[in-house]
Amino acid sequence: MANPLHNPPPGKGQSFFIDVIPYNAGLGLKYVENQVGRVVFDLPWDPAQVGDPETGVMHGGAITGLFDAALGGAVLCKLDDLRRIATLDLRIDYLRPARAGKTVRCEAECHRLTKHIAFARGVAHDGDPNDLVATAVGTFVVFRDDTRSHPRESLVEEAGPAS
């Protein structure tokens, strides 16, 4: 079966990439777009995600969650078949605080895929892609076992074939 995340049906990206993972949905992540091996997710500013109430700056943990979801999403949609993955390593370099009240956008790509390991990288900004908030690299294990219990499997069956 081809990977349904290569070309999700219109309106299904949010379900396929974000809502199926309770943590990602709880963070308030928003699907923007994807191509094979690349995703773009947004993390809208939310007072619940603020790390410093005096400045309104978003907590670094929320941005970490954004990177983990986006880099993992890039890996998932690079695979030929839908597989389970897990984060092995995630390194983030914070370059500056995200501006209060601004959505943080993460653009991630899977740049290398081996039989069992995937490598991804991404950038995050709050409106200006030339003024980054942070950069990240991640390493993921790709499980080669049966995926019938994959949390996205029921979503794929409900959506039908990708067009």
N, C-alpha and C. Protein backbone atom coordinates (compact mmCIF):
# COMPACT_ATOMS: atom_id res chain seq x y z
N MET A 1 0.84 -1.19 0.00
CA MET A 1 0.00 0.00 0.00
C MET A 1 0.88 1.25 0.00
N ALA A 2 0.62 2.17 -0.87
CA ALA A 2 1.37 3.43 -0.92
C ALA A 2 1.08 4.24 0.35
N ASN A 3 1.99 5.10 0.68
CA ASN A 3 1.86 5.93 1.87
C ASN A 3 0.79 7.01 1.64
N PRO A 4 -0.30 6.98 2.40
CA PRO A 4 -1.37 7.98 2.21
C PRO A 4 -0.96 9.39 2.63
N LEU A 5 0.16 9.51 3.34
CA LEU A 5 0.62 10.83 3.76
C LEU A 5 1.38 11.56 2.65
N HIS A 6 1.68 10.87 1.54
CA HIS A 6 2.32 11.54 0.41
C HIS A 6 1.39 12.59 -0.18
N ASN A 7 0.12 12.27 -0.23
CA ASN A 7 -0.85 13.17 -0.85
C ASN A 7 -2.18 13.01 -0.13
N PRO A 8 -2.29 13.57 1.09
CA PRO A 8 -3.55 13.39 1.82
C PRO A 8 -4.72 14.05 1.09
N PRO A 9 -5.91 13.46 1.21
CA PRO A 9 -7.08 14.07 0.59
C PRO A 9 -7.27 15.50 1.11
N PRO A 10 -7.81 16.39 0.29
CA PRO A 10 -8.04 17.77 0.74
C PRO A 10 -8.80 17.80 2.07
N GLY A 11 -8.32 18.63 2.96
CA GLY A 11 -8.97 18.79 4.26
C GLY A 11 -8.61 17.72 5.28
N LYS A 12 -7.77 16.75 4.91
CA LYS A 12 -7.43 15.67 5.84
C LYS A 12 -6.05 15.83 6.48
N GLY A 13 -5.25 16.80 6.06
CA GLY A 13 -3.91 16.97 6.62
C GLY A 13 -3.92 17.16 8.12
N GLN A 14 -4.83 17.97 8.63
CA GLN A 14 -4.92 18.20 10.08
C GLN A 14 -5.21 16.89 10.81
N SER A 15 -6.12 16.10 10.30
CA SER A 15 -6.45 14.81 10.92
C SER A 15 -5.28 13.84 10.85
N PHE A 16 -4.66 13.74 9.68
CA PHE A 16 -3.60 12.76 9.46
C PHE A 16 -2.32 13.07 10.23
N PHE A 17 -1.98 14.36 10.34
CA PHE A 17 -0.70 14.72 10.95
C PHE A 17 -0.81 15.22 12.40
N ILE A 18 -1.89 15.86 12.76
CA ILE A 18 -1.96 16.52 14.07
C ILE A 18 -2.96 15.85 15.02
N ASP A 19 -4.22 15.80 14.63
CA ASP A 19 -5.28 15.38 15.54
C ASP A 19 -5.16 13.94 16.01
N VAL A 20 -4.48 13.07 15.24
CA VAL A 20 -4.33 11.67 15.61
C VAL A 20 -3.39 11.49 16.81
N ILE A 21 -2.58 12.50 17.11
CA ILE A 21 -1.66 12.47 18.25
C ILE A 21 -2.18 13.46 19.30
N PRO A 22 -2.71 12.97 20.42
CA PRO A 22 -3.32 13.87 21.41
C PRO A 22 -2.39 15.00 21.88
N TYR A 23 -1.11 14.73 22.03
CA TYR A 23 -0.18 15.78 22.47
C TYR A 23 -0.11 16.91 21.44
N ASN A 24 -0.02 16.54 20.15
CA ASN A 24 0.04 17.55 19.10
C ASN A 24 -1.24 18.38 19.06
N ALA A 25 -2.37 17.70 19.18
CA ALA A 25 -3.65 18.42 19.19
C ALA A 25 -3.75 19.32 20.42
N GLY A 26 -3.28 18.82 21.57
CA GLY A 26 -3.31 19.60 22.80
C GLY A 26 -2.44 20.85 22.73
N LEU A 27 -1.34 20.78 22.00
CA LEU A 27 -0.50 21.96 21.81
C LEU A 27 -1.18 23.00 20.94
N GLY A 28 -2.16 22.56 20.16
CA GLY A 28 -2.84 23.48 19.25
C GLY A 28 -2.17 23.60 17.90
N LEU A 29 -1.35 22.59 17.53
CA LEU A 29 -0.66 22.65 16.25
C LEU A 29 -1.67 22.67 15.09
N LYS A 30 -1.27 23.33 14.03
CA LYS A 30 -2.10 23.44 12.83
C LYS A 30 -1.30 22.98 11.61
N TYR A 31 -1.90 22.09 10.85
CA TYR A 31 -1.33 21.64 9.59
C TYR A 31 -1.43 22.76 8.57
N VAL A 32 -0.35 23.02 7.84
CA VAL A 32 -0.37 24.02 6.78
C VAL A 32 -0.29 23.33 5.42
N GLU A 33 0.76 22.51 5.21
CA GLU A 33 0.92 21.82 3.93
C GLU A 33 1.96 20.73 4.06
N ASN A 34 2.02 19.88 3.04
CA ASN A 34 3.10 18.90 2.95
C ASN A 34 3.31 18.46 1.51
N GLN A 35 4.51 18.00 1.26
CA GLN A 35 4.87 17.26 0.06
C GLN A 35 5.62 16.03 0.55
N VAL A 36 6.02 15.16 -0.33
CA VAL A 36 6.76 13.97 0.08
C VAL A 36 8.06 14.43 0.77
N GLY A 37 8.19 14.05 2.05
CA GLY A 37 9.38 14.37 2.81
C GLY A 37 9.45 15.76 3.40
N ARG A 38 8.37 16.52 3.31
CA ARG A 38 8.38 17.91 3.81
C ARG A 38 7.02 18.26 4.39
N VAL A 39 7.01 18.93 5.55
CA VAL A 39 5.78 19.42 6.14
C VAL A 39 5.97 20.85 6.64
N VAL A 40 4.85 21.54 6.77
CA VAL A 40 4.82 22.86 7.39
C VAL A 40 3.68 22.84 8.40
N PHE A 41 4.02 23.13 9.66
CA PHE A 41 3.04 23.20 10.75
C PHE A 41 3.14 24.56 11.41
N ASP A 42 2.02 25.04 11.96
CA ASP A 42 1.99 26.27 12.74
C ASP A 42 1.67 25.97 14.20
N LEU A 43 2.25 26.77 15.07
CA LEU A 43 1.90 26.77 16.50
C LEU A 43 1.40 28.17 16.83
N PRO A 44 0.07 28.36 16.81
CA PRO A 44 -0.48 29.68 17.12
C PRO A 44 -0.17 30.09 18.56
N TRP A 45 0.08 31.38 18.75
CA TRP A 45 0.33 31.88 20.10
C TRP A 45 -0.91 31.64 20.94
N ASP A 46 -0.70 31.20 22.16
CA ASP A 46 -1.79 30.89 23.08
C ASP A 46 -1.29 31.22 24.49
N PRO A 47 -2.08 31.91 25.29
CA PRO A 47 -1.63 32.25 26.64
C PRO A 47 -1.25 31.01 27.47
N ALA A 48 -1.84 29.86 27.15
CA ALA A 48 -1.51 28.63 27.87
C ALA A 48 -0.10 28.14 27.54
N GLN A 49 0.49 28.63 26.45
CA GLN A 49 1.84 28.21 26.04
C GLN A 49 2.92 29.21 26.44
N VAL A 50 2.53 30.24 27.18
CA VAL A 50 3.48 31.29 27.56
C VAL A 50 4.40 30.80 28.67
N GLY A 51 5.68 31.05 28.49
CA GLY A 51 6.67 30.66 29.49
C GLY A 51 7.02 31.80 30.44
N ASP A 52 6.86 33.03 30.00
CA ASP A 52 7.16 34.21 30.83
C ASP A 52 5.97 35.16 30.77
N PRO A 53 5.15 35.16 31.82
CA PRO A 53 3.94 35.98 31.82
C PRO A 53 4.21 37.48 31.65
N GLU A 54 5.37 37.94 32.09
CA GLU A 54 5.67 39.37 31.97
C GLU A 54 5.90 39.80 30.52
N THR A 55 6.47 38.92 29.72
CA THR A 55 6.77 39.27 28.33
C THR A 55 5.82 38.63 27.33
N GLY A 56 5.12 37.57 27.74
CA GLY A 56 4.23 36.85 26.83
C GLY A 56 4.96 35.94 25.86
N VAL A 57 6.25 35.67 26.12
CA VAL A 57 7.05 34.83 25.24
C VAL A 57 6.62 33.37 25.39
N MET A 58 6.50 32.69 24.26
CA MET A 58 6.10 31.28 24.25
C MET A 58 7.17 30.42 24.92
N HIS A 59 6.73 29.42 25.66
CA HIS A 59 7.63 28.50 26.35
C HIS A 59 8.41 27.66 25.35
N GLY A 60 9.68 27.44 25.62
CA GLY A 60 10.52 26.62 24.74
C GLY A 60 10.01 25.21 24.60
N GLY A 61 9.34 24.68 25.61
CA GLY A 61 8.79 23.33 25.53
C GLY A 61 7.73 23.20 24.45
N ALA A 62 6.93 24.25 24.26
CA ALA A 62 5.92 24.22 23.21
C ALA A 62 6.59 24.21 21.83
N ILE A 63 7.67 24.95 21.69
CA ILE A 63 8.39 24.97 20.41
C ILE A 63 9.09 23.63 20.19
N THR A 64 9.57 23.02 21.26
CA THR A 64 10.15 21.68 21.16
C THR A 64 9.11 20.69 20.64
N GLY A 65 7.90 20.75 21.18
CA GLY A 65 6.81 19.88 20.70
C GLY A 65 6.49 20.12 19.23
N LEU A 66 6.51 21.38 18.81
CA LEU A 66 6.29 21.72 17.41
C LEU A 66 7.36 21.07 16.53
N PHE A 67 8.63 21.21 16.92
CA PHE A 67 9.72 20.60 16.14
C PHE A 67 9.59 19.08 16.09
N ASP A 68 9.32 18.46 17.22
CA ASP A 68 9.22 17.00 17.24
C ASP A 68 8.11 16.52 16.30
N ALA A 69 6.97 17.20 16.33
CA ALA A 69 5.85 16.84 15.46
C ALA A 69 6.19 17.07 13.99
N ALA A 70 6.79 18.20 13.68
CA ALA A 70 7.07 18.54 12.29
C ALA A 70 8.17 17.66 11.70
N LEU A 71 9.25 17.47 12.43
CA LEU A 71 10.33 16.62 11.91
C LEU A 71 9.82 15.18 11.76
N GLY A 72 9.07 14.69 12.74
CA GLY A 72 8.47 13.36 12.63
C GLY A 72 7.50 13.27 11.48
N GLY A 73 6.71 14.32 11.26
CA GLY A 73 5.78 14.34 10.13
C GLY A 73 6.51 14.29 8.80
N ALA A 74 7.64 14.99 8.71
CA ALA A 74 8.43 14.96 7.48
C ALA A 74 8.95 13.55 7.21
N VAL A 75 9.36 12.86 8.27
CA VAL A 75 9.82 11.48 8.12
C VAL A 75 8.67 10.59 7.67
N LEU A 76 7.53 10.72 8.33
CA LEU A 76 6.38 9.87 7.99
C LEU A 76 5.98 10.01 6.53
N CYS A 77 6.01 11.22 6.01
CA CYS A 77 5.56 11.38 4.63
C CYS A 77 6.69 11.20 3.62
N LYS A 78 7.87 10.81 4.08
CA LYS A 78 8.96 10.43 3.16
C LYS A 78 8.97 8.92 2.92
N LEU A 79 8.45 8.17 3.88
CA LEU A 79 8.45 6.71 3.79
C LEU A 79 7.60 6.22 2.62
N ASP A 80 8.01 5.11 2.01
CA ASP A 80 7.22 4.53 0.92
C ASP A 80 5.90 3.97 1.43
N ASP A 81 5.93 3.37 2.62
CA ASP A 81 4.74 2.80 3.26
C ASP A 81 4.59 3.41 4.65
N LEU A 82 3.36 3.47 5.11
CA LEU A 82 3.09 3.99 6.44
C LEU A 82 3.72 3.09 7.48
N ARG A 83 4.58 3.64 8.33
CA ARG A 83 5.29 2.90 9.38
C ARG A 83 5.22 3.69 10.67
N ARG A 84 5.48 2.97 11.78
CA ARG A 84 5.62 3.65 13.06
C ARG A 84 7.04 4.19 13.16
N ILE A 85 7.19 5.34 13.82
CA ILE A 85 8.51 5.91 14.06
C ILE A 85 8.58 6.35 15.52
N ALA A 86 9.80 6.60 15.99
CA ALA A 86 10.01 7.16 17.32
C ALA A 86 11.23 8.07 17.27
N THR A 87 11.18 9.13 18.03
CA THR A 87 12.29 10.07 18.10
C THR A 87 13.44 9.46 18.88
N LEU A 88 14.61 9.41 18.27
CA LEU A 88 15.83 8.96 18.96
C LEU A 88 16.59 10.14 19.54
N ASP A 89 16.66 11.22 18.77
CA ASP A 89 17.43 12.38 19.19
C ASP A 89 16.82 13.63 18.57
N LEU A 90 16.74 14.68 19.34
CA LEU A 90 16.23 15.96 18.85
C LEU A 90 17.10 17.06 19.43
N ARG A 91 17.74 17.79 18.55
CA ARG A 91 18.60 18.90 18.99
C ARG A 91 18.02 20.19 18.45
N ILE A 92 17.83 21.15 19.34
CA ILE A 92 17.26 22.45 18.96
C ILE A 92 18.22 23.55 19.37
N ASP A 93 18.48 24.45 18.45
CA ASP A 93 19.25 25.66 18.76
C ASP A 93 18.28 26.83 18.74
N TYR A 94 18.03 27.39 19.93
CA TYR A 94 17.16 28.56 20.04
C TYR A 94 17.99 29.80 19.74
N LEU A 95 17.56 30.56 18.75
CA LEU A 95 18.31 31.73 18.31
C LEU A 95 17.81 33.01 18.94
N ARG A 96 16.53 33.03 19.26
CA ARG A 96 15.91 34.19 19.92
C ARG A 96 14.53 33.79 20.40
N PRO A 97 13.94 34.55 21.32
CA PRO A 97 12.57 34.22 21.74
C PRO A 97 11.56 34.52 20.63
N ALA A 98 10.51 33.71 20.57
CA ALA A 98 9.41 34.00 19.66
C ALA A 98 8.68 35.24 20.18
N ARG A 99 8.23 36.07 19.28
CA ARG A 99 7.56 37.30 19.67
C ARG A 99 6.18 37.00 20.27
N ALA A 100 5.86 37.69 21.34
CA ALA A 100 4.56 37.51 22.00
C ALA A 100 3.43 37.79 21.01
N GLY A 101 2.43 36.93 21.04
CA GLY A 101 1.26 37.11 20.20
C GLY A 101 1.41 36.61 18.78
N LYS A 102 2.58 36.08 18.42
CA LYS A 102 2.84 35.65 17.05
C LYS A 102 2.78 34.13 16.91
N THR A 103 2.27 33.66 15.80
CA THR A 103 2.29 32.24 15.45
C THR A 103 3.70 31.85 15.06
N VAL A 104 4.14 30.68 15.52
CA VAL A 104 5.45 30.15 15.13
C VAL A 104 5.21 29.11 14.05
N ARG A 105 5.89 29.26 12.92
CA ARG A 105 5.78 28.34 11.80
C ARG A 105 7.04 27.48 11.75
N CYS A 106 6.84 26.17 11.56
CA CYS A 106 7.95 25.24 11.43
C CYS A 106 7.90 24.59 10.06
N GLU A 107 9.00 24.67 9.35
CA GLU A 107 9.17 24.02 8.05
C GLU A 107 10.20 22.92 8.23
N ALA A 108 9.82 21.68 7.97
CA ALA A 108 10.70 20.54 8.24
C ALA A 108 10.81 19.64 7.02
N GLU A 109 11.98 19.01 6.89
CA GLU A 109 12.20 18.06 5.79
C GLU A 109 12.99 16.87 6.29
N CYS A 110 12.67 15.72 5.72
CA CYS A 110 13.44 14.51 5.95
C CYS A 110 14.48 14.46 4.83
N HIS A 111 15.75 14.62 5.18
CA HIS A 111 16.78 14.72 4.16
C HIS A 111 17.57 13.44 3.94
N ARG A 112 17.38 12.43 4.81
CA ARG A 112 18.07 11.15 4.61
C ARG A 112 17.24 10.06 5.26
N LEU A 113 17.07 8.97 4.53
CA LEU A 113 16.28 7.85 5.00
C LEU A 113 17.05 6.57 4.72
N THR A 114 17.32 5.81 5.79
CA THR A 114 17.95 4.50 5.62
C THR A 114 16.89 3.45 5.98
N LYS A 115 17.30 2.19 6.02
CA LYS A 115 16.32 1.13 6.29
C LYS A 115 15.67 1.29 7.67
N HIS A 116 16.44 1.72 8.66
CA HIS A 116 15.91 1.79 10.03
C HIS A 116 16.00 3.18 10.67
N ILE A 117 16.72 4.09 10.06
CA ILE A 117 16.93 5.41 10.66
C ILE A 117 16.59 6.49 9.65
N ALA A 118 15.98 7.58 10.15
CA ALA A 118 15.67 8.74 9.31
C ALA A 118 16.25 9.99 9.96
N PHE A 119 16.66 10.92 9.12
CA PHE A 119 17.26 12.16 9.57
C PHE A 119 16.44 13.32 9.03
N ALA A 120 16.12 14.26 9.90
CA ALA A 120 15.29 15.39 9.50
C ALA A 120 15.86 16.68 10.07
N ARG A 121 15.49 17.78 9.44
CA ARG A 121 15.92 19.10 9.93
C ARG A 121 14.79 20.09 9.70
N GLY A 122 14.82 21.15 10.47
CA GLY A 122 13.76 22.14 10.32
C GLY A 122 14.16 23.49 10.86
N VAL A 123 13.35 24.47 10.49
CA VAL A 123 13.53 25.84 10.98
C VAL A 123 12.18 26.33 11.48
N ALA A 124 12.24 27.27 12.42
CA ALA A 124 11.02 27.89 12.94
C ALA A 124 11.20 29.41 12.94
N HIS A 125 10.13 30.09 12.57
CA HIS A 125 10.14 31.56 12.58
C HIS A 125 8.75 32.04 12.99
N ASP A 126 8.66 33.31 13.29
CA ASP A 126 7.36 33.86 13.70
C ASP A 126 6.88 34.94 12.73
N GLY A 127 7.14 34.72 11.46
CA GLY A 127 6.63 35.62 10.44
C GLY A 127 7.65 36.00 9.38
N ASP A 128 8.93 35.99 9.74
CA ASP A 128 9.97 36.33 8.79
C ASP A 128 10.93 35.16 8.67
N PRO A 129 10.89 34.43 7.54
CA PRO A 129 11.78 33.27 7.38
C PRO A 129 13.27 33.61 7.41
N ASN A 130 13.60 34.90 7.30
CA ASN A 130 14.99 35.33 7.39
C ASN A 130 15.41 35.71 8.80
N ASP A 131 14.49 35.63 9.75
CA ASP A 131 14.77 35.95 11.16
C ASP A 131 14.27 34.78 12.01
N LEU A 132 15.05 33.71 12.04
CA LEU A 132 14.63 32.46 12.67
C LEU A 132 14.55 32.55 14.19
N VAL A 133 13.59 31.83 14.73
CA VAL A 133 13.47 31.63 16.18
C VAL A 133 14.38 30.49 16.60
N ALA A 134 14.41 29.42 15.80
CA ALA A 134 15.21 28.25 16.17
C ALA A 134 15.43 27.37 14.94
N THR A 135 16.44 26.50 15.05
CA THR A 135 16.69 25.45 14.07
C THR A 135 16.74 24.13 14.82
N ALA A 136 16.50 23.03 14.10
CA ALA A 136 16.51 21.73 14.77
C ALA A 136 16.95 20.64 13.81
N VAL A 137 17.53 19.60 14.38
CA VAL A 137 17.81 18.36 13.65
C VAL A 137 17.32 17.22 14.51
N GLY A 138 16.82 16.19 13.86
CA GLY A 138 16.30 15.04 14.59
C GLY A 138 16.65 13.74 13.90
N THR A 139 16.76 12.70 14.73
CA THR A 139 17.00 11.35 14.25
C THR A 139 15.86 10.48 14.75
N PHE A 140 15.31 9.64 13.87
CA PHE A 140 14.14 8.84 14.18
C PHE A 140 14.39 7.39 13.81
N VAL A 141 13.90 6.46 14.64
CA VAL A 141 13.93 5.05 14.28
C VAL A 141 12.67 4.76 13.47
N VAL A 142 12.82 3.94 12.43
CA VAL A 142 11.69 3.52 11.60
C VAL A 142 11.46 2.04 11.89
N PHE A 143 10.31 1.74 12.45
CA PHE A 143 9.97 0.36 12.77
C PHE A 143 9.46 -0.34 11.51
N ARG A 144 9.92 -1.56 11.29
CA ARG A 144 9.54 -2.30 10.09
C ARG A 144 8.55 -3.42 10.41
N ASP A 145 7.83 -3.29 11.51
CA ASP A 145 6.85 -4.31 11.89
C ASP A 145 5.50 -4.02 11.25
N ASP A 146 4.53 -4.81 11.58
CA ASP A 146 3.18 -4.66 11.06
C ASP A 146 2.59 -3.32 11.49
N THR A 147 1.96 -2.61 10.58
CA THR A 147 1.41 -1.29 10.89
C THR A 147 -0.11 -1.28 11.00
N ARG A 148 -0.73 -2.44 11.04
CA ARG A 148 -2.20 -2.44 11.11
C ARG A 148 -2.71 -1.77 12.37
N SER A 149 -1.90 -1.68 13.40
CA SER A 149 -2.33 -1.00 14.62
C SER A 149 -1.89 0.46 14.64
N HIS A 150 -1.38 0.97 13.52
CA HIS A 150 -0.94 2.36 13.44
C HIS A 150 -2.14 3.27 13.68
N PRO A 151 -2.00 4.33 14.49
CA PRO A 151 -3.14 5.19 14.80
C PRO A 151 -3.76 5.87 13.58
N ARG A 152 -3.02 6.01 12.50
CA ARG A 152 -3.56 6.65 11.30
C ARG A 152 -4.33 5.68 10.42
N GLU A 153 -4.20 4.38 10.67
CA GLU A 153 -4.80 3.38 9.79
C GLU A 153 -6.31 3.59 9.63
N SER A 154 -7.02 3.85 10.72
CA SER A 154 -8.47 4.04 10.62
C SER A 154 -8.80 5.33 9.86
N LEU A 155 -7.97 6.36 10.00
CA LEU A 155 -8.21 7.59 9.26
C LEU A 155 -8.06 7.36 7.76
N VAL A 156 -7.06 6.57 7.40
CA VAL A 156 -6.82 6.27 5.98
C VAL A 156 -8.01 5.51 5.41
N GLU A 157 -8.50 4.54 6.15
CA GLU A 157 -9.65 3.75 5.68
C GLU A 157 -10.88 4.61 5.53
N GLU A 158 -11.10 5.56 6.47
CA GLU A 158 -12.26 6.45 6.40
C GLU A 158 -12.18 7.39 5.20
N ALA A 159 -10.97 7.86 4.90
CA ALA A 159 -10.80 8.86 3.84
C ALA A 159 -10.87 8.26 2.45
N GLY A 160 -10.56 6.98 2.35
CA GLY A 160 -10.54 6.36 1.02
C GLY A 160 -9.24 6.67 0.32
N PRO A 161 -9.11 6.27 -0.94
CA PRO A 161 -7.86 6.47 -1.65
C PRO A 161 -7.56 7.96 -1.88
N ALA A 162 -6.26 8.29 -1.82
CA ALA A 162 -5.84 9.67 -2.09
C ALA A 162 -6.01 9.96 -3.57
N SER A 163 -6.39 11.19 -3.86
CA SER A 163 -6.56 11.55 -5.28
C SER A 163 -5.47 12.46 -5.75
